[in-house]
Amino acid sequence: LGYGTLMPAAQAIAVSAVPADKLGTGISTLLLLADVGIGLGPVLLGALLSATGYGPMYAGLAVVVVVAGVFYHAVHGRHQAARRRQVA
């Protein structure tokens, strides 16, 4: 789930989640938040690393991934359109 896989998937979600007249706003919001994450992530993770060490940091990040997956399923996985795409 690296950058090359995640970003096209996130952009597809952003495109399908906004109306056509707000497409530019949706994509720019996605890219803005990705830039914020790329900028602040290393700073925050570096502080966490120096406070706890590698093991707890990676365990915390694993929890974040699981919570994000559950959140994604709650927001996008329960829609009828998503279920039709999975069956087809």
Protein backbone atom coordinates (compact mmCIF):
# COMPACT_ATOMS: atom_id res chain seq x y z
CA LEU A 1 0.00 0.00 0.00
CA GLY A 2 2.67 2.44 -0.98
CA TYR A 3 2.29 5.87 -2.47
CA GLY A 4 1.95 4.50 -6.02
CA THR A 5 -1.03 2.34 -5.04
CA LEU A 6 -2.69 4.55 -2.46
CA MET A 7 -2.77 7.86 -4.32
CA PRO A 8 -4.60 6.63 -7.47
CA ALA A 9 -7.11 4.80 -5.26
CA ALA A 10 -7.62 7.89 -3.09
CA GLN A 11 -8.04 10.05 -6.19
CA ALA A 12 -10.63 7.64 -7.60
CA ILE A 13 -12.54 7.81 -4.32
CA ALA A 14 -12.34 11.61 -4.31
CA VAL A 15 -13.58 11.81 -7.90
CA SER A 16 -16.50 9.48 -7.27
CA ALA A 17 -17.46 11.14 -3.97
CA VAL A 18 -17.95 14.69 -5.22
CA PRO A 19 -20.40 16.17 -7.72
CA ALA A 20 -19.03 17.06 -11.15
CA ASP A 21 -19.07 20.81 -10.46
CA LYS A 22 -16.90 20.30 -7.33
CA LEU A 23 -14.37 17.95 -8.93
CA GLY A 24 -11.50 20.44 -8.77
CA THR A 25 -12.22 21.20 -5.13
CA GLY A 26 -12.35 17.51 -4.23
CA ILE A 27 -9.04 16.65 -5.90
CA SER A 28 -7.29 19.74 -4.56
CA THR A 29 -8.48 18.91 -1.03
CA LEU A 30 -7.10 15.39 -1.40
CA LEU A 31 -3.74 16.68 -2.59
CA LEU A 32 -3.61 19.38 0.10
CA LEU A 33 -4.21 16.86 2.86
CA ALA A 34 -1.68 14.45 1.32
CA ASP A 35 0.92 17.25 1.31
CA VAL A 36 0.14 18.08 4.93
CA GLY A 37 0.57 14.40 5.85
CA ILE A 38 3.85 14.16 3.95
CA GLY A 39 5.09 17.33 5.64
CA LEU A 40 3.94 16.70 9.21
CA GLY A 41 4.20 12.91 9.27
CA PRO A 42 7.98 12.68 9.58
CA VAL A 43 8.07 15.40 12.23
CA LEU A 44 5.39 13.73 14.37
CA LEU A 45 6.76 10.23 13.85
CA GLY A 46 10.26 11.43 14.69
CA ALA A 47 9.02 12.84 17.98
CA LEU A 48 7.12 9.61 18.67
CA LEU A 49 10.20 7.56 17.79
CA SER A 50 12.47 9.47 20.14
CA ALA A 51 9.89 9.21 22.94
CA THR A 52 9.01 5.50 22.59
CA GLY A 53 11.37 3.65 20.23
CA TYR A 54 10.74 1.69 17.04
CA GLY A 55 8.55 -1.11 18.38
CA PRO A 56 5.83 1.05 19.96
CA MET A 57 5.91 3.45 17.02
CA TYR A 58 5.29 0.68 14.49
CA ALA A 59 2.64 -0.88 16.74
CA GLY A 60 0.88 2.49 16.92
CA LEU A 61 1.06 2.86 13.16
CA ALA A 62 -0.41 -0.63 12.73
CA VAL A 63 -3.33 0.43 14.91
CA VAL A 64 -3.78 3.55 12.76
CA VAL A 65 -3.93 1.37 9.62
CA VAL A 66 -6.54 -0.94 11.14
CA VAL A 67 -8.66 1.98 12.37
CA ALA A 68 -8.41 3.63 8.94
CA GLY A 69 -9.56 0.39 7.29
CA VAL A 70 -12.56 0.12 9.61
CA PHE A 71 -13.38 3.79 9.01
CA TYR A 72 -13.12 3.31 5.24
CA HIS A 73 -15.46 0.32 5.38
CA ALA A 74 -17.93 2.26 7.53
CA VAL A 75 -17.95 5.22 5.15
CA HIS A 76 -17.60 3.59 1.72
CA GLY A 77 -18.06 -0.16 2.07
CA ARG A 78 -21.71 -0.16 3.09
CA HIS A 79 -23.13 1.73 0.10
CA GLN A 80 -25.28 -0.19 -2.38
CA ALA A 81 -23.09 0.95 -5.29
CA ALA A 82 -20.01 -0.51 -3.59
CA ARG A 83 -21.80 -3.81 -3.07
CA ARG A 84 -22.94 -3.95 -6.70
CA ARG A 85 -19.35 -3.38 -7.86
CA GLN A 86 -18.08 -6.17 -5.63
CA VAL A 87 -20.63 -8.66 -7.00
CA ALA A 88 -20.13 -7.75 -10.65
